[in-house]
N, C-alpha and C. Protein backbone atom coordinates (compact mmCIF):
# COMPACT_ATOMS: atom_id res chain seq x y z
N UNK A 1 -130.88 18.14 117.16
CA UNK A 1 -130.79 18.76 118.50
C UNK A 1 -131.48 17.85 119.48
N UNK A 2 -130.76 18.01 120.71
CA UNK A 2 -131.52 17.56 121.87
C UNK A 2 -132.60 18.25 122.53
N UNK A 3 -133.89 17.48 122.92
CA UNK A 3 -134.91 18.11 123.43
C UNK A 3 -135.18 17.77 125.06
N UNK A 4 -135.84 18.42 125.51
CA UNK A 4 -135.92 18.08 127.19
C UNK A 4 -136.74 16.96 127.48
N UNK A 5 -137.47 16.34 126.31
CA UNK A 5 -137.62 14.91 126.54
C UNK A 5 -136.54 13.88 126.47
N UNK A 6 -135.85 14.01 125.56
CA UNK A 6 -134.49 13.32 125.34
C UNK A 6 -133.60 13.36 127.11
N UNK A 7 -133.77 14.61 127.57
CA UNK A 7 -133.05 14.74 128.68
C UNK A 7 -133.60 14.02 129.88
N UNK A 8 -134.79 14.14 129.79
CA UNK A 8 -135.77 13.12 130.89
C UNK A 8 -135.39 11.75 130.65
N UNK A 9 -135.53 11.12 129.29
CA UNK A 9 -135.26 9.79 129.20
C UNK A 9 -133.84 9.38 129.49
N UNK A 10 -132.92 10.12 129.27
CA UNK A 10 -131.28 9.80 129.54
C UNK A 10 -131.49 10.03 131.00
N UNK A 11 -131.94 10.74 131.91
CA UNK A 11 -131.80 10.76 133.40
C UNK A 11 -132.60 9.24 133.71
N UNK A 12 -133.54 8.83 133.03
CA UNK A 12 -134.13 7.45 133.44
C UNK A 12 -133.25 6.15 133.48
N UNK A 13 -132.63 6.50 132.44
CA UNK A 13 -131.61 5.33 132.11
C UNK A 13 -130.12 5.31 132.25
N UNK A 14 -129.63 6.66 132.49
CA UNK A 14 -128.10 6.88 132.70
C UNK A 14 -127.96 7.79 133.63
N UNK A 15 -128.47 8.37 134.70
CA UNK A 15 -128.36 9.32 135.51
C UNK A 15 -127.29 9.64 136.19
N UNK A 16 -126.58 10.84 136.17
CA UNK A 16 -125.42 11.76 136.60
C UNK A 16 -125.83 11.49 138.16
N UNK A 17 -125.69 10.46 139.10
CA UNK A 17 -126.51 10.50 140.24
C UNK A 17 -125.85 11.79 141.13
N UNK A 18 -124.82 12.18 141.03
CA UNK A 18 -124.06 12.97 141.87
C UNK A 18 -124.79 14.50 141.40
N UNK A 19 -125.29 14.51 140.50
CA UNK A 19 -125.95 16.18 140.05
C UNK A 19 -127.47 15.99 139.84
N UNK A 20 -128.04 14.95 140.15
CA UNK A 20 -129.68 15.27 140.34
C UNK A 20 -130.04 15.02 141.79
N UNK A 21 -131.16 15.98 141.88
CA UNK A 21 -131.84 16.10 143.26
C UNK A 21 -132.64 14.69 143.92
N UNK A 22 -132.89 15.06 144.88
CA UNK A 22 -133.57 13.90 145.57
C UNK A 22 -135.12 13.46 144.58
N UNK A 23 -135.68 14.54 144.50
CA UNK A 23 -136.63 14.33 144.13
C UNK A 23 -136.82 13.64 142.46
N UNK A 24 -135.68 14.32 141.50
CA UNK A 24 -135.22 13.49 140.69
C UNK A 24 -135.01 11.94 140.76
N UNK A 25 -134.18 11.48 141.73
CA UNK A 25 -133.69 10.46 141.75
C UNK A 25 -134.72 9.76 142.21
N UNK A 26 -136.07 10.22 143.05
CA UNK A 26 -136.87 9.36 143.61
C UNK A 26 -138.08 8.73 142.00
N UNK A 27 -138.05 9.97 141.18
CA UNK A 27 -138.82 9.39 139.93
C UNK A 27 -138.12 8.35 139.08
N UNK A 28 -136.79 8.55 139.29
CA UNK A 28 -135.88 7.50 138.42
C UNK A 28 -135.92 6.00 139.06
N UNK A 29 -135.92 6.12 140.60
CA UNK A 29 -136.48 4.92 141.28
C UNK A 29 -137.57 4.39 140.91
N UNK A 30 -138.55 4.74 140.93
CA UNK A 30 -139.64 4.37 140.42
C UNK A 30 -139.56 3.92 139.12
N UNK A 31 -139.07 4.30 138.38
CA UNK A 31 -138.89 3.59 137.17
C UNK A 31 -138.29 2.34 137.10
N UNK A 32 -137.15 2.54 137.42
CA UNK A 32 -136.31 1.44 137.78
C UNK A 32 -137.07 0.04 138.71
N UNK A 33 -137.26 0.29 139.72
CA UNK A 33 -138.39 -0.49 140.26
C UNK A 33 -139.50 -1.10 139.58
N UNK A 34 -139.80 -0.61 138.11
CA UNK A 34 -141.19 -1.06 137.63
C UNK A 34 -142.14 -0.36 138.38
N UNK A 35 -142.21 0.69 138.97
CA UNK A 35 -143.58 1.05 139.85
C UNK A 35 -144.13 2.00 138.78
N UNK A 36 -143.30 2.96 137.85
CA UNK A 36 -143.97 3.54 136.63
C UNK A 36 -143.42 3.21 135.40
N UNK A 37 -144.01 3.12 134.15
CA UNK A 37 -143.37 3.24 133.11
C UNK A 37 -142.58 4.25 132.65
N UNK A 38 -141.92 3.97 131.45
CA UNK A 38 -141.05 4.95 130.94
C UNK A 38 -141.34 6.41 130.91
N UNK A 39 -142.63 6.35 130.06
CA UNK A 39 -143.28 7.35 129.59
C UNK A 39 -144.10 8.26 130.94
N UNK A 40 -144.44 7.46 132.11
CA UNK A 40 -144.93 7.97 133.08
C UNK A 40 -143.90 8.64 133.73
N UNK A 41 -142.83 8.16 133.82
CA UNK A 41 -141.49 8.69 134.67
C UNK A 41 -141.28 10.02 133.86
N UNK A 42 -140.86 10.24 132.34
CA UNK A 42 -140.53 11.10 131.60
C UNK A 42 -141.40 12.24 131.72
N UNK A 43 -142.52 12.29 131.67
CA UNK A 43 -143.95 12.76 131.96
C UNK A 43 -143.69 13.65 133.09
N UNK A 44 -143.66 12.82 134.55
CA UNK A 44 -143.30 13.11 135.55
C UNK A 44 -141.85 14.46 135.85
N UNK A 45 -141.10 14.05 135.43
CA UNK A 45 -139.89 14.68 135.45
C UNK A 45 -140.07 16.02 134.61
N UNK A 46 -140.68 15.81 133.49
CA UNK A 46 -140.93 17.07 132.66
C UNK A 46 -141.95 18.03 133.58
N UNK A 47 -142.97 17.43 133.94
CA UNK A 47 -143.91 18.32 134.49
C UNK A 47 -143.28 18.98 135.83
N UNK A 48 -142.80 18.10 136.55
CA UNK A 48 -142.29 18.38 137.96
C UNK A 48 -140.85 19.31 137.62
N UNK A 49 -139.98 19.02 137.07
CA UNK A 49 -138.99 19.59 136.90
C UNK A 49 -138.38 19.86 135.51
N UNK A 50 -139.20 20.66 134.92
CA UNK A 50 -139.02 20.96 133.44
C UNK A 50 -137.76 22.25 133.74
N UNK A 51 -138.14 23.07 134.49
CA UNK A 51 -136.59 24.08 134.51
C UNK A 51 -135.33 23.24 134.74
N UNK A 52 -135.26 22.35 135.93
CA UNK A 52 -133.90 21.68 136.05
C UNK A 52 -133.41 21.09 134.63
N UNK A 53 -134.48 20.16 133.86
CA UNK A 53 -133.93 19.58 133.07
C UNK A 53 -133.71 20.72 131.78
N UNK A 54 -134.10 21.59 131.47
CA UNK A 54 -133.99 22.74 130.68
C UNK A 54 -132.26 23.34 131.12
N UNK A 55 -132.11 23.34 132.51
CA UNK A 55 -130.91 24.01 132.67
C UNK A 55 -129.81 22.86 132.53
N UNK A 56 -130.05 21.52 132.68
CA UNK A 56 -129.21 20.35 132.06
C UNK A 56 -129.18 20.64 130.65
N UNK A 57 -130.02 20.57 129.78
CA UNK A 57 -129.84 20.66 128.37
C UNK A 57 -129.15 21.68 128.03
N UNK A 58 -129.14 23.05 128.36
CA UNK A 58 -128.64 24.44 128.08
C UNK A 58 -127.01 24.05 128.51
N UNK A 59 -126.71 23.42 129.56
CA UNK A 59 -125.27 23.25 129.88
C UNK A 59 -124.77 22.35 129.14
N UNK A 60 -125.50 20.82 128.86
CA UNK A 60 -125.20 20.22 127.87
C UNK A 60 -124.68 20.85 126.26
N UNK A 61 -125.71 21.68 126.07
CA UNK A 61 -125.22 22.38 124.55
C UNK A 61 -124.37 23.53 124.78
N UNK A 62 -124.12 24.22 125.60
CA UNK A 62 -122.80 25.00 125.86
C UNK A 62 -121.37 24.27 125.69
N UNK A 63 -121.61 23.17 126.29
CA UNK A 63 -120.60 22.41 126.68
C UNK A 63 -120.11 21.70 125.37
N UNK A 64 -120.82 21.63 124.77
CA UNK A 64 -120.95 20.93 123.39
C UNK A 64 -120.37 22.02 122.36
N UNK A 65 -120.48 23.23 122.78
CA UNK A 65 -120.25 24.62 121.69
C UNK A 65 -121.39 24.57 120.63
N UNK A 66 -122.56 24.15 121.09
CA UNK A 66 -123.71 24.29 120.13
C UNK A 66 -124.65 25.59 120.65
N UNK A 67 -124.42 25.96 121.50
CA UNK A 67 -125.53 27.35 121.91
C UNK A 67 -124.51 28.09 121.93
C-alpha cells in the first residue's frame, strides 16, 4: 500500500505540475536544484502539506479501486 512518504518522494521526482500548489513546487524546485536533500524535501512536504499529500493518496487509491 502506498504511504504518505511515498507520495512525497513521488512529488519530488515526478510531480504532476498542473496539480500541485506553488508551495509544493517551491519545495520540489529546492530539491531539483540540490538546495535540499531528498529527505529534507520529503520531510518538509509532509510537515507543511500533509493534508494535501493525504488527499493525493486518497484520490490515487480511490481511482485504483483500493479504497
